[in-house]
C-alpha atoms as a PDB file:
ATOM      1  CA  UNK A   1       3.039   2.904   5.972  1.00  0.00           C
ATOM      2  CA  UNK A   2       2.942   3.259   2.198  1.00  0.00           C
ATOM      3  CA  UNK A   3       0.635   0.436   1.083  1.00  0.00           C
ATOM      4  CA  UNK A   4      -1.787  -1.886   2.845  1.00  0.00           C
ATOM      5  CA  UNK A   5      -0.294  -2.800   6.227  1.00  0.00           C
ATOM      6  CA  UNK A   6      -2.912  -5.461   7.057  1.00  0.00           C
ATOM      7  CA  UNK A   7      -2.098  -8.598   5.064  1.00  0.00           C
ATOM      8  CA  UNK A   8      -2.914 -12.307   5.017  1.00  0.00           C
ATOM      9  CA  UNK A   9       0.131 -14.527   5.151  1.00  0.00           C
ATOM     10  CA  UNK A  10       0.879 -17.762   3.349  1.00  0.00           C
ATOM     11  CA  UNK A  11      -0.482 -19.729   6.324  1.00  0.00           C
ATOM     12  CA  UNK A  12      -3.781 -17.820   6.393  1.00  0.00           C
ATOM     13  CA  UNK A  13      -2.946 -15.737   9.453  1.00  0.00           C
ATOM     14  CA  UNK A  14      -3.551 -12.008   9.353  1.00  0.00           C
ATOM     15  CA  UNK A  15      -0.765  -9.697  10.422  1.00  0.00           C
ATOM     16  CA  UNK A  16      -0.272  -5.958  10.746  1.00  0.00           C
ATOM     17  CA  UNK A  17       2.911  -3.913  10.361  1.00  0.00           C
ATOM     18  CA  UNK A  18       3.485  -0.716  12.295  1.00  0.00           C
ATOM     19  CA  UNK A  19       6.225   1.626  13.440  1.00  0.00           C
ATOM     20  CA  UNK A  20       7.235   2.148  17.051  1.00  0.00           C
ATOM     21  CA  UNK A  21       9.901   4.789  17.581  1.00  0.00           C
ATOM     22  CA  UNK A  22      12.751   3.629  15.308  1.00  0.00           C
ATOM     23  CA  UNK A  23      11.632   0.004  14.758  1.00  0.00           C
ATOM     24  CA  UNK A  24       9.168  -1.873  12.570  1.00  0.00           C
ATOM     25  CA  UNK A  25       6.833  -4.204  14.448  1.00  0.00           C
ATOM     26  CA  UNK A  26       4.578  -7.068  13.401  1.00  0.00           C
ATOM     27  CA  UNK A  27       1.502  -8.415  15.170  1.00  0.00           C
ATOM     28  CA  UNK A  28      -0.135 -11.625  13.955  1.00  0.00           C
ATOM     29  CA  UNK A  29      -2.994 -13.992  14.651  1.00  0.00           C
ATOM     30  CA  UNK A  30      -1.955 -17.081  16.590  1.00  0.00           C
ATOM     31  CA  UNK A  31      -4.240 -19.118  14.332  1.00  0.00           C
ATOM     32  CA  UNK A  32      -6.403 -17.890  11.436  1.00  0.00           C
ATOM     33  CA  UNK A  33      -9.348 -16.052  12.930  1.00  0.00           C
ATOM     34  CA  UNK A  34      -8.012 -16.481  16.462  1.00  0.00           C
ATOM     35  CA  UNK A  35      -6.403 -14.310  19.115  1.00  0.00           C
ATOM     36  CA  UNK A  36      -3.458 -12.040  18.363  1.00  0.00           C
ATOM     37  CA  UNK A  37       0.059 -12.143  19.723  1.00  0.00           C
ATOM     38  CA  UNK A  38       2.051  -9.233  21.071  1.00  0.00           C
ATOM     39  CA  UNK A  39       3.959  -6.925  18.681  1.00  0.00           C
ATOM     40  CA  UNK A  40       7.404  -8.233  17.714  1.00  0.00           C
ATOM     41  CA  UNK A  41      10.311  -6.278  16.279  1.00  0.00           C
ATOM     42  CA  UNK A  42      11.297  -7.493  12.819  1.00  0.00           C
ATOM     43  CA  UNK A  43      14.494  -7.300  10.834  1.00  0.00           C
ATOM     44  CA  UNK A  44      16.942  -7.163  13.731  1.00  0.00           C
ATOM     45  CA  UNK A  45      18.163  -4.138  15.663  1.00  0.00           C
ATOM     46  CA  UNK A  46      18.458  -1.777  12.697  1.00  0.00           C
ATOM     47  CA  UNK A  47      17.280   1.765  13.492  1.00  0.00           C
ATOM     48  CA  UNK A  48      14.736   3.039  10.972  1.00  0.00           C
ATOM     49  CA  UNK A  49      13.250   6.334   9.932  1.00  0.00           C
ATOM     50  CA  UNK A  50       9.431   6.609   9.950  1.00  0.00           C
ATOM     51  CA  UNK A  51       7.420   5.873   6.833  1.00  0.00           C
ATOM     52  CA  UNK A  52       8.287   2.347   5.617  1.00  0.00           C
ATOM     53  CA  UNK A  53       6.503   0.736   2.675  1.00  0.00           C
ATOM     54  CA  UNK A  54       4.852  -2.697   2.559  1.00  0.00           C
ATOM     55  CA  UNK A  55       4.273  -4.935  -0.452  1.00  0.00           C
ATOM     56  CA  UNK A  56       3.186  -8.535  -0.908  1.00  0.00           C
ATOM     57  CA  UNK A  57       3.815 -11.007  -3.694  1.00  0.00           C
ATOM     58  CA  UNK A  58       1.640 -13.769  -5.127  1.00  0.00           C
ATOM     59  CA  UNK A  59       3.535 -16.129  -2.792  1.00  0.00           C
ATOM     60  CA  UNK A  60       2.072 -14.089   0.121  1.00  0.00           C
ATOM     61  CA  UNK A  61       5.536 -13.119   1.423  1.00  0.00           C
ATOM     62  CA  UNK A  62       5.665  -9.606   2.862  1.00  0.00           C
ATOM     63  CA  UNK A  63       8.373  -7.176   1.739  1.00  0.00           C
ATOM     64  CA  UNK A  64       9.169  -4.018   3.682  1.00  0.00           C
ATOM     65  CA  UNK A  65      11.396  -1.130   2.623  1.00  0.00           C
ATOM     66  CA  UNK A  66      12.486   1.756   4.846  1.00  0.00           C
ATOM     67  CA  UNK A  67      15.080   4.479   5.184  1.00  0.00           C
ATOM     68  CA  UNK A  68      17.747   4.072   7.859  1.00  0.00           C
ATOM     69  CA  UNK A  69      20.285   6.622   9.119  1.00  0.00           C
ATOM     70  CA  UNK A  70      23.789   5.822   7.834  1.00  0.00           C
ATOM     71  CA  UNK A  71      25.877   8.888   8.752  1.00  0.00           C
ATOM     72  CA  UNK A  72      25.312  12.443   9.874  1.00  0.00           C
ATOM     73  CA  UNK A  73      22.790  13.917   7.454  1.00  0.00           C
ATOM     74  CA  UNK A  74      22.722  10.786   5.296  1.00  0.00           C
ATOM     75  CA  UNK A  75      20.403   7.804   4.910  1.00  0.00           C
ATOM     76  CA  UNK A  76      20.070   4.638   2.868  1.00  0.00           C
ATOM     77  CA  UNK A  77      17.213   2.310   1.987  1.00  0.00           C
ATOM     78  CA  UNK A  78      16.943  -1.175   3.485  1.00  0.00           C
ATOM     79  CA  UNK A  79      14.736  -4.160   2.623  1.00  0.00           C
ATOM     80  CA  UNK A  80      13.333  -6.988   4.721  1.00  0.00           C
ATOM     81  CA  UNK A  81      11.405 -10.135   3.727  1.00  0.00           C
ATOM     82  CA  UNK A  82       8.910 -11.760   6.077  1.00  0.00           C
ATOM     83  CA  UNK A  83       7.900 -15.210   4.868  1.00  0.00           C
ATOM     84  CA  UNK A  84       5.228 -16.047   7.446  1.00  0.00           C
ATOM     85  CA  UNK A  85       3.709 -13.965  10.253  1.00  0.00           C
ATOM     86  CA  UNK A  86       4.854 -16.204  13.120  1.00  0.00           C
ATOM     87  CA  UNK A  87       8.366 -16.750  11.745  1.00  0.00           C
ATOM     88  CA  UNK A  88      11.235 -14.351  12.315  1.00  0.00           C
ATOM     89  CA  UNK A  89      11.727 -11.977   9.408  1.00  0.00           C
ATOM     90  CA  UNK A  90      15.029 -11.772   7.580  1.00  0.00           C
ATOM     91  CA  UNK A  91      17.416  -9.047   8.708  1.00  0.00           C
ATOM     92  CA  UNK A  92      17.295  -5.686   6.992  1.00  0.00           C
ATOM     93  CA  UNK A  93      19.617  -5.642   3.989  1.00  0.00           C
ATOM     94  CA  UNK A  94      20.932  -2.491   2.306  1.00  0.00           C
ATOM     95  CA  UNK A  95      19.365  -1.359  -0.961  1.00  0.00           C
ATOM     96  CA  UNK A  96      21.349   1.869  -1.162  1.00  0.00           C
ATOM     97  CA  UNK A  97      20.498   5.386  -2.268  1.00  0.00           C
ATOM     98  CA  UNK A  98      19.182   6.400  -5.718  1.00  0.00           C
ATOM     99  CA  UNK A  99      21.871   9.092  -5.893  1.00  0.00           C
ATOM    100  CA  UNK A 100      24.645   7.038  -4.326  1.00  0.00           C
ATOM    101  CA  UNK A 101      24.729   9.032  -1.090  1.00  0.00           C
ATOM    102  CA  UNK A 102      22.656  11.712   0.567  1.00  0.00           C
ATOM    103  CA  UNK A 103      19.704  12.148   2.868  1.00  0.00           C
ATOM    104  CA  UNK A 104      16.177  10.849   2.369  1.00  0.00           C
ATOM    105  CA  UNK A 105      14.678  11.866  -0.960  1.00  0.00           C
ATOM    106  CA  UNK A 106      11.083  10.832  -0.284  1.00  0.00           C
ATOM    107  CA  UNK A 107       8.930   7.938   0.953  1.00  0.00           C
ATOM    108  CA  UNK A 108       9.599   4.629  -0.828  1.00  0.00           C
ATOM    109  CA  UNK A 109       7.153   2.213  -2.432  1.00  0.00           C
ATOM    110  CA  UNK A 110       7.603  -1.525  -2.986  1.00  0.00           C
ATOM    111  CA  UNK A 111       5.853  -4.073  -5.196  1.00  0.00           C
ATOM    112  CA  UNK A 112       6.642  -7.735  -5.889  1.00  0.00           C
ATOM    113  CA  UNK A 113       6.478  -9.305  -9.348  1.00  0.00           C
ATOM    114  CA  UNK A 114       5.187 -12.747 -10.278  1.00  0.00           C
ATOM    115  CA  UNK A 115       8.623 -14.306  -9.658  1.00  0.00           C
ATOM    116  CA  UNK A 116       8.783 -12.964  -6.080  1.00  0.00           C
ATOM    117  CA  UNK A 117      11.269 -10.160  -6.805  1.00  0.00           C
ATOM    118  CA  UNK A 118      10.845  -6.929  -4.881  1.00  0.00           C
ATOM    119  CA  UNK A 119      10.958  -3.661  -6.830  1.00  0.00           C
ATOM    120  CA  UNK A 120      11.745  -0.512  -4.836  1.00  0.00           C
ATOM    121  CA  UNK A 121      10.616   2.895  -6.114  1.00  0.00           C
ATOM    122  CA  UNK A 122      11.599   6.260  -4.673  1.00  0.00           C
ATOM    123  CA  UNK A 123      11.878   9.856  -5.786  1.00  0.00           C
ATOM    124  CA  UNK A 124      15.525  10.716  -6.471  1.00  0.00           C
ATOM    125  CA  UNK A 125      17.455  13.875  -5.719  1.00  0.00           C
ATOM    126  CA  UNK A 126      16.651  15.290  -9.151  1.00  0.00           C
ATOM    127  CA  UNK A 127      12.918  14.969  -8.569  1.00  0.00           C
ATOM    128  CA  UNK A 128      12.450  12.003 -10.916  1.00  0.00           C
ATOM    129  CA  UNK A 129      11.578   8.378 -10.133  1.00  0.00           C
ATOM    130  CA  UNK A 130      14.252   5.759  -9.498  1.00  0.00           C
ATOM    131  CA  UNK A 131      13.811   1.990  -9.205  1.00  0.00           C
ATOM    132  CA  UNK A 132      15.934  -0.928  -8.051  1.00  0.00           C
ATOM    133  CA  UNK A 133      14.864  -4.593  -8.306  1.00  0.00           C
ATOM    134  CA  UNK A 134      16.000  -7.868  -6.810  1.00  0.00           C
ATOM    135  CA  UNK A 135      17.751 -10.316  -9.113  1.00  0.00           C
ATOM    136  CA  UNK A 136      16.252 -13.754  -9.638  1.00  0.00           C
ATOM    137  CA  UNK A 137      19.289 -15.503  -8.141  1.00  0.00           C
ATOM    138  CA  UNK A 138      19.907 -13.083  -5.281  1.00  0.00           C
ATOM    139  CA  UNK A 139      21.264  -9.598  -4.821  1.00  0.00           C
ATOM    140  CA  UNK A 140      20.054  -6.406  -6.421  1.00  0.00           C
ATOM    141  CA  UNK A 141      20.278  -4.984  -9.904  1.00  0.00           C
ATOM    142  CA  UNK A 142      21.444  -1.409 -10.546  1.00  0.00           C
ATOM    143  CA  UNK A 143      19.461   1.694  -9.738  1.00  0.00           C
ATOM    144  CA  UNK A 144      17.543   2.824 -12.825  1.00  0.00           C
ATOM    145  CA  UNK A 145      16.361   6.375 -13.432  1.00  0.00           C
ATOM    146  CA  UNK A 146      12.806   6.191 -14.811  1.00  0.00           C
ATOM    147  CA  UNK A 147      12.881   9.938 -15.551  1.00  0.00           C
ATOM    148  CA  UNK A 148      10.244  12.636 -15.021  1.00  0.00           C
ATOM    149  CA  UNK A 149      10.835  15.636 -12.731  1.00  0.00           C
ATOM    150  CA  UNK A 150       9.298  17.626  -9.889  1.00  0.00           C
ATOM    151  CA  UNK A 151       7.609  14.560  -8.450  1.00  0.00           C
ATOM    152  CA  UNK A 152       5.753  15.243  -5.246  1.00  0.00           C
ATOM    153  CA  UNK A 153       4.727  12.952  -2.430  1.00  0.00           C
ATOM    154  CA  UNK A 154       5.248   9.185  -2.347  1.00  0.00           C
ATOM    155  CA  UNK A 155       4.972   7.052  -5.490  1.00  0.00           C
ATOM    156  CA  UNK A 156       2.783   3.959  -5.381  1.00  0.00           C
ATOM    157  CA  UNK A 157       3.539   0.612  -7.002  1.00  0.00           C
ATOM    158  CA  UNK A 158       1.427  -2.463  -7.614  1.00  0.00           C
ATOM    159  CA  UNK A 159       1.750  -5.873  -9.256  1.00  0.00           C
ATOM    160  CA  UNK A 160      -0.910  -6.698 -11.816  1.00  0.00           C
ATOM    161  CA  UNK A 161      -2.566 -10.109 -11.942  1.00  0.00           C
ATOM    162  CA  UNK A 162      -0.053 -11.197 -14.605  1.00  0.00           C
ATOM    163  CA  UNK A 163       2.869 -10.336 -12.314  1.00  0.00           C
ATOM    164  CA  UNK A 164       4.039  -7.185 -14.108  1.00  0.00           C
ATOM    165  CA  UNK A 165       4.802  -4.153 -11.974  1.00  0.00           C
ATOM    166  CA  UNK A 166       3.207  -0.752 -12.512  1.00  0.00           C
ATOM    167  CA  UNK A 167       4.044   2.499 -10.726  1.00  0.00           C
ATOM    168  CA  UNK A 168       2.292   5.849 -10.363  1.00  0.00           C
ATOM    169  CA  UNK A 169       3.483   9.253  -9.209  1.00  0.00           C
ATOM    170  CA  UNK A 170       2.346  12.865  -9.263  1.00  0.00           C
ATOM    171  CA  UNK A 171       3.989  16.088 -10.342  1.00  0.00           C
ATOM    172  CA  UNK A 172       2.208  19.446 -10.325  1.00  0.00           C
ATOM    173  CA  UNK A 173      -0.743  19.204 -12.685  1.00  0.00           C
ATOM    174  CA  UNK A 174      -0.104  15.657 -13.911  1.00  0.00           C
ATOM    175  CA  UNK A 175      -0.330  11.999 -12.880  1.00  0.00           C
ATOM    176  CA  UNK A 176       2.259   9.692 -14.450  1.00  0.00           C
ATOM    177  CA  UNK A 177       2.188   5.938 -15.057  1.00  0.00           C
ATOM    178  CA  UNK A 178       5.090   3.542 -15.649  1.00  0.00           C
ATOM    179  CA  UNK A 179       4.806  -0.135 -16.601  1.00  0.00           C
ATOM    180  CA  UNK A 180       6.673  -3.196 -17.840  1.00  0.00           C
ATOM    181  CA  UNK A 181       5.708  -4.827 -21.139  1.00  0.00           C
ATOM    182  CA  UNK A 182       6.698  -8.196 -19.643  1.00  0.00           C
ATOM    183  CA  UNK A 183       7.984  -9.365 -16.271  1.00  0.00           C
ATOM    184  CA  UNK A 184      11.673  -8.666 -15.659  1.00  0.00           C
ATOM    185  CA  UNK A 185      11.821  -6.099 -18.492  1.00  0.00           C
ATOM    186  CA  UNK A 186      12.602  -2.390 -18.434  1.00  0.00           C
ATOM    187  CA  UNK A 187      10.024   0.134 -17.271  1.00  0.00           C
ATOM    188  CA  UNK A 188       8.694   2.788 -19.607  1.00  0.00           C
ATOM    189  CA  UNK A 189       6.672   5.909 -18.948  1.00  0.00           C
ATOM    190  CA  UNK A 190       3.428   4.733 -20.488  1.00  0.00           C
ATOM    191  CA  UNK A 191       0.812   7.405 -19.930  1.00  0.00           C
ATOM    192  CA  UNK A 192      -0.021  10.568 -18.065  1.00  0.00           C
ATOM    193  CA  UNK A 193      -3.118  12.624 -17.431  1.00  0.00           C
ATOM    194  CA  UNK A 194      -3.625  16.246 -16.482  1.00  0.00           C
ATOM    195  CA  UNK A 195      -5.192  16.744 -13.058  1.00  0.00           C
ATOM    196  CA  UNK A 196      -4.582  18.375  -9.687  1.00  0.00           C
ATOM    197  CA  UNK A 197      -4.592  16.125  -6.629  1.00  0.00           C
ATOM    198  CA  UNK A 198      -4.421  16.372  -2.872  1.00  0.00           C
ATOM    199  CA  UNK A 199      -1.028  15.258  -1.549  1.00  0.00           C
ATOM    200  CA  UNK A 200      -0.885  11.884   0.166  1.00  0.00           C
ATOM    201  CA  UNK A 201      -3.960  10.357  -1.482  1.00  0.00           C
ATOM    202  CA  UNK A 202      -2.569   7.899  -4.063  1.00  0.00           C
ATOM    203  CA  UNK A 203      -3.507   4.214  -3.749  1.00  0.00           C
ATOM    204  CA  UNK A 204      -3.236   1.568  -6.506  1.00  0.00           C
ATOM    205  CA  UNK A 205      -4.979  -1.805  -6.809  1.00  0.00           C
ATOM    206  CA  UNK A 206      -5.097  -4.634  -9.357  1.00  0.00           C
ATOM    207  CA  UNK A 207      -8.809  -4.516 -10.230  1.00  0.00           C
ATOM    208  CA  UNK A 208      -8.904  -7.197 -12.942  1.00  0.00           C
ATOM    209  CA  UNK A 209      -6.626  -9.656 -14.701  1.00  0.00           C
ATOM    210  CA  UNK A 210      -5.793  -6.921 -17.225  1.00  0.00           C
ATOM    211  CA  UNK A 211      -5.781  -3.643 -15.312  1.00  0.00           C
ATOM    212  CA  UNK A 212      -4.635  -1.758 -12.272  1.00  0.00           C
ATOM    213  CA  UNK A 213      -6.577   1.256 -11.026  1.00  0.00           C
ATOM    214  CA  UNK A 214      -5.210   4.331  -9.287  1.00  0.00           C
ATOM    215  CA  UNK A 215      -7.410   6.007  -6.676  1.00  0.00           C
ATOM    216  CA  UNK A 216      -6.774   9.609  -5.659  1.00  0.00           C
ATOM    217  CA  UNK A 217      -8.533  12.688  -4.331  1.00  0.00           C
ATOM    218  CA  UNK A 218      -8.462  15.638  -6.703  1.00  0.00           C
ATOM    219  CA  UNK A 219      -8.108  19.287  -5.729  1.00  0.00           C
ATOM    220  CA  UNK A 220     -11.897  19.711  -5.455  1.00  0.00           C
ATOM    221  CA  UNK A 221     -12.136  16.919  -2.872  1.00  0.00           C
ATOM    222  CA  UNK A 222     -13.556  14.296  -5.238  1.00  0.00           C
ATOM    223  CA  UNK A 223     -12.347  10.705  -5.007  1.00  0.00           C
ATOM    224  CA  UNK A 224     -11.409   9.567  -8.506  1.00  0.00           C
ATOM    225  CA  UNK A 225     -10.371   6.331 -10.222  1.00  0.00           C
ATOM    226  CA  UNK A 226      -7.911   6.298 -13.132  1.00  0.00           C
ATOM    227  CA  UNK A 227      -6.947   3.508 -15.480  1.00  0.00           C
ATOM    228  CA  UNK A 228      -4.312   4.612 -17.978  1.00  0.00           C
ATOM    229  CA  UNK A 229      -5.642   5.056 -21.469  1.00  0.00           C
ATOM    230  CA  UNK A 230      -8.762   6.861 -20.272  1.00  0.00           C
ATOM    231  CA  UNK A 231      -9.681   9.921 -18.247  1.00  0.00           C
ATOM    232  CA  UNK A 232     -10.078   9.804 -14.440  1.00  0.00           C
ATOM    233  CA  UNK A 233     -13.613   8.934 -13.339  1.00  0.00           C
ATOM    234  CA  UNK A 234     -15.169  10.655 -10.294  1.00  0.00           C
ATOM    235  CA  UNK A 235     -16.541   8.197  -7.740  1.00  0.00           C
ATOM    236  CA  UNK A 236     -17.764  10.228  -4.776  1.00  0.00           C
ATOM    237  CA  UNK A 237     -16.791  13.107  -2.557  1.00  0.00           C
ATOM    238  CA  UNK A 238     -13.845  11.924  -0.481  1.00  0.00           C
ATOM    239  CA  UNK A 239     -14.933  10.905   3.007  1.00  0.00           C
ATOM    240  CA  UNK A 240     -11.815  12.395   4.584  1.00  0.00           C
ATOM    241  CA  UNK A 241      -8.367  13.838   3.912  1.00  0.00           C
ATOM    242  CA  UNK A 242      -6.115  10.778   3.585  1.00  0.00           C
ATOM    243  CA  UNK A 243      -5.722   7.934   1.085  1.00  0.00           C
ATOM    244  CA  UNK A 244      -8.280   5.173   0.716  1.00  0.00           C
ATOM    245  CA  UNK A 245      -7.611   1.553   1.547  1.00  0.00           C
ATOM    246  CA  UNK A 246      -8.730  -0.778  -1.234  1.00  0.00           C
ATOM    247  CA  UNK A 247      -9.331  -4.490  -1.754  1.00  0.00           C
ATOM    248  CA  UNK A 248     -10.939  -6.589  -4.469  1.00  0.00           C
ATOM    249  CA  UNK A 249     -13.527  -8.986  -3.026  1.00  0.00           C
ATOM    250  CA  UNK A 250     -16.724 -10.886  -3.731  1.00  0.00           C
ATOM    251  CA  UNK A 251     -19.914  -9.371  -2.337  1.00  0.00           C
ATOM    252  CA  UNK A 252     -23.156 -11.299  -2.864  1.00  0.00           C
ATOM    253  CA  UNK A 253     -21.656 -13.102  -5.832  1.00  0.00           C
ATOM    254  CA  UNK A 254     -20.318  -9.951  -7.523  1.00  0.00           C
ATOM    255  CA  UNK A 255     -16.679  -9.005  -8.153  1.00  0.00           C
ATOM    256  CA  UNK A 256     -16.385  -5.724  -6.254  1.00  0.00           C
ATOM    257  CA  UNK A 257     -13.829  -3.141  -5.244  1.00  0.00           C
ATOM    258  CA  UNK A 258     -14.188  -2.087  -1.620  1.00  0.00           C
ATOM    259  CA  UNK A 259     -12.802   1.253  -0.444  1.00  0.00           C
ATOM    260  CA  UNK A 260     -12.367   2.511   3.107  1.00  0.00           C
ATOM    261  CA  UNK A 261     -11.255   5.896   4.433  1.00  0.00           C
ATOM    262  CA  UNK A 262     -11.162   7.689   7.757  1.00  0.00           C
ATOM    263  CA  UNK A 263     -13.946  10.222   7.407  1.00  0.00           C
ATOM    264  CA  UNK A 264     -14.005  13.835   8.547  1.00  0.00           C
ATOM    265  CA  UNK A 265     -16.148  12.707  11.494  1.00  0.00           C
ATOM    266  CA  UNK A 266     -13.353  10.363  12.605  1.00  0.00           C
ATOM    267  CA  UNK A 267     -15.250   7.159  11.821  1.00  0.00           C
ATOM    268  CA  UNK A 268     -14.322   4.726   9.029  1.00  0.00           C
ATOM    269  CA  UNK A 269     -16.388   5.094   5.861  1.00  0.00           C
ATOM    270  CA  UNK A 270     -16.865   2.236   3.385  1.00  0.00           C
ATOM    271  CA  UNK A 271     -17.958   2.246  -0.252  1.00  0.00           C
ATOM    272  CA  UNK A 272     -18.184  -0.665  -2.703  1.00  0.00           C
ATOM    273  CA  UNK A 273     -18.966  -0.911  -6.404  1.00  0.00           C
ATOM    274  CA  UNK A 274     -18.602  -3.528  -9.178  1.00  0.00           C
ATOM    275  CA  UNK A 275     -14.912  -3.650 -10.095  1.00  0.00           C
ATOM    276  CA  UNK A 276     -14.045  -1.282 -12.965  1.00  0.00           C
ATOM    277  CA  UNK A 277     -17.686  -0.153 -13.289  1.00  0.00           C
ATOM    278  CA  UNK A 278     -17.237   3.277 -11.765  1.00  0.00           C
ATOM    279  CA  UNK A 279     -20.295   4.542 -13.625  1.00  0.00           C
ATOM    280  CA  UNK A 280     -22.386   2.485 -11.182  1.00  0.00           C
ATOM    281  CA  UNK A 281     -21.407   4.976  -8.481  1.00  0.00           C
ATOM    282  CA  UNK A 282     -20.252   4.531  -4.896  1.00  0.00           C
ATOM    283  CA  UNK A 283     -21.754   5.749  -1.624  1.00  0.00           C
ATOM    284  CA  UNK A 284     -20.119   5.976   1.784  1.00  0.00           C
ATOM    285  CA  UNK A 285     -21.434   4.223   4.893  1.00  0.00           C
ATOM    286  CA  UNK A 286     -19.716   4.996   8.210  1.00  0.00           C
ATOM    287  CA  UNK A 287     -18.868   2.394  10.831  1.00  0.00           C
ATOM    288  CA  UNK A 288     -17.225   2.120  14.219  1.00  0.00           C
ATOM    289  CA  UNK A 289     -16.146   4.722  16.776  1.00  0.00           C
ATOM    290  CA  UNK A 290     -14.596   8.118  16.133  1.00  0.00           C
ATOM    291  CA  UNK A 291     -10.817   7.703  15.861  1.00  0.00           C
ATOM    292  CA  UNK A 292      -7.837  10.009  16.444  1.00  0.00           C
ATOM    293  CA  UNK A 293      -6.775  12.228  13.557  1.00  0.00           C
ATOM    294  CA  UNK A 294      -3.673  10.108  12.873  1.00  0.00           C
ATOM    295  CA  UNK A 295      -5.611   6.827  12.580  1.00  0.00           C
ATOM    296  CA  UNK A 296      -5.261   4.937   9.300  1.00  0.00           C
ATOM    297  CA  UNK A 297      -7.272   2.066   7.844  1.00  0.00           C
ATOM    298  CA  UNK A 298      -6.251  -1.043   5.908  1.00  0.00           C
ATOM    299  CA  UNK A 299      -8.255  -3.834   4.248  1.00  0.00           C
ATOM    300  CA  UNK A 300      -7.584  -7.519   3.584  1.00  0.00           C
ATOM    301  CA  UNK A 301      -9.353 -10.842   3.085  1.00  0.00           C
ATOM    302  CA  UNK A 302      -8.978 -13.447   5.825  1.00  0.00           C
ATOM    303  CA  UNK A 303      -8.475 -17.209   5.460  1.00  0.00           C
ATOM    304  CA  UNK A 304     -12.215 -17.583   4.723  1.00  0.00           C
ATOM    305  CA  UNK A 305     -12.136 -14.789   2.110  1.00  0.00           C
ATOM    306  CA  UNK A 306     -14.094 -12.493   4.429  1.00  0.00           C
ATOM    307  CA  UNK A 307     -13.343  -8.781   4.350  1.00  0.00           C
ATOM    308  CA  UNK A 308     -11.410  -7.578   7.392  1.00  0.00           C
ATOM    309  CA  UNK A 309     -10.842  -3.903   8.200  1.00  0.00           C
ATOM    310  CA  UNK A 310      -8.199  -2.687  10.635  1.00  0.00           C
ATOM    311  CA  UNK A 311      -7.495   0.755  12.051  1.00  0.00           C
ATOM    312  CA  UNK A 312      -4.318   1.823  13.786  1.00  0.00           C
ATOM    313  CA  UNK A 313      -3.520   5.047  15.601  1.00  0.00           C
ATOM    314  CA  UNK A 314       0.219   5.758  16.062  1.00  0.00           C
ATOM    315  CA  UNK A 315      -0.489   8.248  18.863  1.00  0.00           C
ATOM    316  CA  UNK A 316      -2.415   5.731  20.971  1.00  0.00           C
ATOM    317  CA  UNK A 317      -1.110   2.433  19.592  1.00  0.00           C
ATOM    318  CA  UNK A 318      -4.689   1.153  19.487  1.00  0.00           C
ATOM    319  CA  UNK A 319      -5.460  -1.498  16.871  1.00  0.00           C
ATOM    320  CA  UNK A 320      -9.131  -2.187  16.062  1.00  0.00           C
ATOM    321  CA  UNK A 321     -10.491  -4.929  13.789  1.00  0.00           C
ATOM    322  CA  UNK A 322     -13.892  -5.646  12.241  1.00  0.00           C
ATOM    323  CA  UNK A 323     -14.866  -8.615  10.041  1.00  0.00           C
ATOM    324  CA  UNK A 324     -17.673  -8.989   7.560  1.00  0.00           C
ATOM    325  CA  UNK A 325     -20.623 -10.949   8.920  1.00  0.00           C
ATOM    326  CA  UNK A 326     -21.857 -14.076   7.173  1.00  0.00           C
ATOM    327  CA  UNK A 327     -24.876 -12.356   5.679  1.00  0.00           C
ATOM    328  CA  UNK A 328     -25.884 -10.413   2.596  1.00  0.00           C
ATOM    329  CA  UNK A 329     -24.360  -7.026   1.868  1.00  0.00           C
ATOM    330  CA  UNK A 330     -21.357  -5.478   3.533  1.00  0.00           C
ATOM    331  CA  UNK A 331     -22.360  -5.923   7.155  1.00  0.00           C
ATOM    332  CA  UNK A 332     -19.434  -5.724   9.550  1.00  0.00           C
ATOM    333  CA  UNK A 333     -19.313  -7.173  13.011  1.00  0.00           C
ATOM    334  CA  UNK A 334     -18.429  -5.088  16.052  1.00  0.00           C
ATOM    335  CA  UNK A 335     -15.072  -3.322  16.059  1.00  0.00           C
ATOM    336  CA  UNK A 336     -12.834  -5.026  18.615  1.00  0.00           C
ATOM    337  CA  UNK A 337      -9.571  -3.892  20.194  1.00  0.00           C
ATOM    338  CA  UNK A 338      -6.633  -6.221  19.547  1.00  0.00           C
END
């Protein structure tokens, strides 16, 4: 999934989203902090391609976007809203194709503004970035070409604390940033920075009321943090090959950014530092068992604002969870199979 797939719903229950064959599934806690139910298919019987995106608004509603096959050699994007983990999600609704028709152009991203409107981002057939947003009173606005060219990999999108959407993408040698000046206004290409990155390592997070931060691994294997308007800041050597999971949390009374990544050893590595104070440095600490190569990690805060980490392996279907203990530091309890 593109984005954090472990989320806390409006009712405090944690849920995870995953793919199984051609369907999107949801698993959720029966009560906050309690046992988990079985996976349930969401959005109806629509067949999906792998690689959906997940986003969540300030109202805690989950929004999913995926490609679906429409005709031989063609696909279209669809969107689904899930209001609460134990409720049935809405059926998949068509969002269309950035070029009108054609096959998949790249993995989508989705973010939700302060008014609860989903914004879908995807690379278009010309190699630039396209966006389509929900209208306030229902339906979807037109596809908008946000320009650029030769974009590689999946874009990432995030809502800032003030509800404005920001998006990031990579083309050879350069990271690019788009933003809105105000909610429900046009996007503009705001900044870019020269760098080389490893494919598949972008992750964005709102790290303060004013800023979002993009995390990525550069070509040398260094995990970096970038806030537009400045140069990327190296944090640490990347623990492993994939993207980091990221969450803003309070640790021992300090506003921190917590990162997690499947390490080269197969275990999950964690690193925390004071939010937006990258100069303080970050150091990895590994936890849990060695996991399959396709395992991914996601982070969230539970109903008690405790950090929860989840790992999911598509090849085995195994879901593991660990929660922060009620003690100083970032001490996690035992990893448990769900």
